Protein backbone atom coordinates (compact mmCIF):
# COMPACT_ATOMS: atom_id res chain seq x y z
CA UNK A 1 0.00 0.00 0.00
CA UNK A 2 1.13 3.54 -0.67
CA UNK A 3 1.86 5.83 2.25
CA UNK A 4 1.12 9.40 1.21
CA UNK A 5 2.84 12.14 3.19
CA UNK A 6 0.46 14.11 5.39
CA UNK A 7 1.17 17.54 6.82
CA UNK A 8 -0.71 16.73 10.03
CA UNK A 9 -1.11 13.67 12.27
CA UNK A 10 -3.52 11.02 11.03
CA UNK A 11 -4.73 7.63 12.12
CA UNK A 12 -2.91 4.65 10.65
CA UNK A 13 -6.09 3.67 8.80
CA UNK A 14 -6.04 7.03 6.99
CA UNK A 15 -2.27 7.27 6.60
CA UNK A 16 -2.07 3.84 4.96
CA UNK A 17 -5.29 4.03 2.92
CA UNK A 18 -4.44 2.72 -0.58
CA UNK A 19 -4.40 5.42 -3.23
CA UNK A 20 -3.92 3.16 -6.26
CA UNK A 21 -5.79 0.07 -7.41
CA UNK A 22 -2.62 -2.01 -7.22
CA UNK A 23 -1.89 -0.87 -3.67
CA UNK A 24 -4.41 -3.07 -1.83
CA UNK A 25 -3.56 -6.09 0.30
CA UNK A 26 -5.01 -9.21 -1.37
CA UNK A 27 -8.16 -8.66 -3.44
CA UNK A 28 -6.44 -9.97 -6.56
CA UNK A 29 -9.61 -10.52 -8.58
CA UNK A 30 -11.08 -7.12 -7.67
CA UNK A 31 -7.78 -5.41 -8.49
CA UNK A 32 -7.61 -7.14 -11.88
CA UNK A 33 -11.17 -6.19 -12.79
CA UNK A 34 -10.91 -2.57 -11.69
CA UNK A 35 -7.45 -2.17 -13.21
CA UNK A 36 -8.80 -3.19 -16.62
CA UNK A 37 -11.82 -0.93 -16.16
CA UNK A 38 -9.59 2.03 -15.19
CA UNK A 39 -7.67 1.56 -18.43
CA UNK A 40 -10.88 1.87 -20.46
CA UNK A 41 -13.62 3.42 -18.28
CA UNK A 42 -17.17 3.83 -19.50
CA UNK A 43 -20.57 4.89 -18.17
CA UNK A 44 -21.74 2.06 -15.91
CA UNK A 45 -22.90 0.90 -12.46
CA UNK A 46 -20.94 -1.36 -10.10
CA UNK A 47 -21.75 -3.08 -6.82
CA UNK A 48 -18.84 -3.88 -4.48
CA UNK A 49 -19.91 -6.64 -2.08
CA UNK A 50 -17.84 -7.80 0.89
CA UNK A 51 -17.20 -7.63 4.63
CA UNK A 52 -16.44 -4.36 6.45
CA UNK A 53 -12.94 -2.91 6.32
CA UNK A 54 -11.73 -4.88 3.30
CA UNK A 55 -11.40 -1.81 1.05
CA UNK A 56 -14.61 -1.33 -0.95
CA UNK A 57 -14.93 2.44 -0.58
CA UNK A 58 -11.15 2.89 -0.77
CA UNK A 59 -11.14 0.98 -4.06
CA UNK A 60 -13.82 3.30 -5.43
CA UNK A 61 -11.73 6.33 -4.44
CA UNK A 62 -8.58 4.79 -5.93
CA UNK A 63 -10.46 4.23 -9.20
CA UNK A 64 -11.65 7.83 -9.20
CA UNK A 65 -8.08 9.01 -8.68
CA UNK A 66 -6.68 6.85 -11.48
CA UNK A 67 -9.24 7.98 -14.06
CA UNK A 68 -9.36 11.59 -12.84
CA UNK A 69 -13.09 11.49 -12.06
CA UNK A 70 -15.08 14.07 -10.11
CA UNK A 71 -16.31 12.29 -6.96
CA UNK A 72 -19.78 12.58 -5.43
CA UNK A 73 -20.14 10.67 -2.16
CA UNK A 74 -23.54 9.64 -0.75
CA UNK A 75 -22.88 8.62 2.89
CA UNK A 76 -24.20 5.53 4.61
CA UNK A 77 -27.99 5.52 5.13
CA UNK A 78 -28.38 8.84 3.28
CA UNK A 79 -29.38 7.41 -0.10
CA UNK A 80 -33.01 8.43 -0.45
CA UNK A 81 -34.94 9.69 -3.46
CA UNK A 82 -33.97 13.32 -2.82
CA UNK A 83 -30.27 12.45 -2.53
CA UNK A 84 -30.47 10.63 -5.87
CA UNK A 85 -32.14 13.57 -7.58
CA UNK A 86 -29.56 15.96 -6.12
CA UNK A 87 -26.57 13.93 -7.30
CA UNK A 88 -28.09 13.38 -10.73
CA UNK A 89 -28.58 17.14 -11.04
CA UNK A 90 -24.86 17.65 -10.37
CA UNK A 91 -23.93 14.91 -12.82
CA UNK A 92 -25.93 16.59 -15.58
CA UNK A 93 -23.10 19.10 -15.94
CA UNK A 94 -19.72 18.46 -17.54
CA UNK A 95 -17.30 17.19 -14.83
CA UNK A 96 -14.71 19.71 -13.63
CA UNK A 97 -12.07 17.20 -14.67
CA UNK A 98 -13.56 16.99 -18.15
CA UNK A 99 -13.85 13.20 -17.83
CA UNK A 100 -16.28 11.27 -15.63
CA UNK A 101 -18.48 11.81 -12.62
CA UNK A 102 -18.07 8.97 -10.10
CA UNK A 103 -20.87 8.52 -7.57
CA UNK A 104 -20.08 6.41 -4.48
CA UNK A 105 -23.06 5.17 -2.47
CA UNK A 106 -21.99 3.50 0.78
CA UNK A 107 -24.01 0.71 2.41
CA UNK A 108 -26.36 0.40 -0.53
CA UNK A 109 -28.16 -2.42 1.30
CA UNK A 110 -29.55 0.32 3.59
CA UNK A 111 -31.19 2.19 0.73
CA UNK A 112 -34.93 2.69 0.95
CA UNK A 113 -37.08 0.70 -1.50
CA UNK A 114 -38.16 4.00 -3.06
CA UNK A 115 -34.54 4.97 -3.65
CA UNK A 116 -33.82 1.66 -5.35
CA UNK A 117 -36.82 2.14 -7.63
CA UNK A 118 -35.76 5.72 -8.38
CA UNK A 119 -32.36 4.45 -9.48
CA UNK A 120 -33.69 1.97 -12.04
CA UNK A 121 -34.10 4.48 -14.83
CA UNK A 122 -30.87 6.26 -13.85
CA UNK A 123 -28.82 3.10 -14.33
CA UNK A 124 -30.15 2.08 -17.73
CA UNK A 125 -30.73 3.86 -21.01
CA UNK A 126 -34.02 5.44 -19.92
CA UNK A 127 -32.64 8.43 -17.98
CA UNK A 128 -28.91 7.88 -17.61
CA UNK A 129 -26.69 10.62 -16.25
CA UNK A 130 -24.07 11.43 -18.91
CA UNK A 131 -20.47 10.41 -18.29
CA UNK A 132 -21.33 8.96 -14.88
CA UNK A 133 -20.01 5.87 -13.11
CA UNK A 134 -21.97 4.62 -10.10
CA UNK A 135 -20.30 2.51 -7.41
CA UNK A 136 -22.46 1.04 -4.66
CA UNK A 137 -20.93 -0.77 -1.67
CA UNK A 138 -22.60 -3.25 0.66
CA UNK A 139 -21.90 -6.16 2.99
CA UNK A 140 -24.63 -8.37 1.52
CA UNK A 141 -27.32 -8.15 -1.17
CA UNK A 142 -30.36 -9.79 0.48
CA UNK A 143 -32.29 -6.53 0.89
CA UNK A 144 -31.61 -5.23 -2.61
CA UNK A 145 -34.26 -5.17 -5.31
CA UNK A 146 -33.55 -7.75 -8.07
CA UNK A 147 -34.21 -5.13 -10.74
CA UNK A 148 -31.59 -2.88 -9.12
CA UNK A 149 -29.08 -5.74 -8.94
CA UNK A 150 -29.62 -6.56 -12.61
CA UNK A 151 -28.32 -3.11 -13.55
CA UNK A 152 -25.02 -3.46 -11.64
CA UNK A 153 -21.79 -5.30 -12.36
CA UNK A 154 -21.10 -7.15 -9.10
CA UNK A 155 -17.52 -7.41 -7.79
CA UNK A 156 -16.86 -9.64 -4.77
CA UNK A 157 -14.42 -8.34 -2.17
CA UNK A 158 -13.50 -11.49 -0.29
CA UNK A 159 -11.13 -11.44 2.68
CA UNK A 160 -10.83 -15.23 2.74
CA UNK A 161 -7.25 -16.47 3.08
CA UNK A 162 -5.78 -12.99 3.51
CA UNK A 163 -4.46 -13.40 7.09
CA UNK A 164 -0.90 -14.16 6.00
CA UNK A 165 -0.72 -11.23 3.57
CA UNK A 166 -2.24 -8.88 6.12
CA UNK A 167 0.24 -10.01 8.79
CA UNK A 168 3.17 -9.30 6.44
CA UNK A 169 1.75 -5.89 5.64
CA UNK A 170 1.16 -5.06 9.32
CA UNK A 171 4.74 -6.05 10.11
CA UNK A 172 5.99 -3.45 7.62
CA UNK A 173 3.69 -0.81 9.13
CA UNK A 174 4.79 -1.78 12.65
CA UNK A 175 8.46 -1.20 11.88
CA UNK A 176 7.82 1.87 9.73
CA UNK A 177 6.03 3.46 12.67
CA UNK A 178 8.82 2.73 15.15
CA UNK A 179 7.67 -0.60 16.56
CA UNK A 180 10.31 -2.87 18.07
CA UNK A 181 10.85 -6.59 17.67
CA UNK A 182 8.39 -7.42 20.43
CA UNK A 183 5.30 -6.59 18.42
CA UNK A 184 1.90 -8.26 18.75
CA UNK A 185 1.02 -11.57 17.09
CA UNK A 186 0.02 -10.08 13.74
CA UNK A 187 -1.37 -13.27 12.20
CA UNK A 188 -3.60 -13.73 15.23
CA UNK A 189 -4.62 -10.07 15.03
CA UNK A 190 -5.70 -10.52 11.40
CA UNK A 191 -7.72 -13.61 12.26
CA UNK A 192 -9.36 -11.98 15.28
CA UNK A 193 -10.57 -9.12 13.11
CA UNK A 194 -11.69 -11.51 10.36
CA UNK A 195 -9.12 -9.93 8.03
CA UNK A 196 -10.56 -6.45 8.47
CA UNK A 197 -7.55 -4.33 7.46
CA UNK A 198 -9.04 -1.14 8.90
CA UNK A 199 -9.60 -2.75 12.31
CA UNK A 200 -6.10 -4.25 12.22
CA UNK A 201 -4.53 -0.84 11.67
CA UNK A 202 -6.55 0.70 14.48
CA UNK A 203 -5.49 -2.06 16.89
CA UNK A 204 -1.89 -1.71 15.76
CA UNK A 205 -2.10 2.01 16.43
CA UNK A 206 -3.10 1.32 20.03
CA UNK A 207 -0.23 -1.16 20.42
CA UNK A 208 2.23 1.44 19.13
CA UNK A 209 0.90 3.99 21.60
CA UNK A 210 1.63 1.57 24.43
CA UNK A 211 5.36 1.61 23.64
CA UNK A 212 7.76 4.00 25.33
CA UNK A 213 8.06 6.93 22.95
CA UNK A 214 5.47 5.45 20.59
CA UNK A 215 3.44 7.70 18.28
C-alpha cells in the first residue's frame, strides 16, 4: 500500500489508505477487474460486495483518482430519493475534470425501497446521467431489489485467506512506525478481526501507543 505524506497527524487507517488500485492487500480478482476498467472506463454501475474494512470504498476512491473522475459521495444511510435527484442534477453538468463523474453510495443495502426504484431508470438507457459511473458498496445483497441488482456489475471483495498477507503488511507498518521486535502476534490479530484491514490498523495504532516513545 502507498503511504502518502500528510502535513498533520492522522490515524494509521487514513495514513495507509491505498491510493492506487494495485496498492491493496489481497483482493487480486477485484484489483484485476478494476485495473482493466480504469484503463478503459465507460458509463456504468458497479456493486462492491464484501465484509467491512476490506477496502470497498477505498477501491472506489482509488479508481476515481486513477481515471481523474469528479467524486460525489452519498454517505451511509443517506441514499433516499432526494439524494439521488440531487446527485443526478450535479452529474448533468460536464465534470470539472472533463472526464467522468463517479458517484459512491456507501451501504447500498440500507437504501430505501423507493430509492432503489428511483435508481432503475438512472442506471439504464431510460434516464442515464451522462459520463457517470456509479459505485455502490454493501456487505450483503439480500435486501436489494432484483431489478436494481440486474443493472449493476457485481464485484466480490473477499477477505478469505488474507491473514498471511495482512500479517506481512502489518509487520511493515509496525516497523515503519517505530515498533520494536516485540510486536503483537500479527497473524492472530488478522484472524481476530476476520481480516478487516481497517480494524487491524486501528489495533496496531493502540499497540504502538503503548510503547515507550510510541506515536
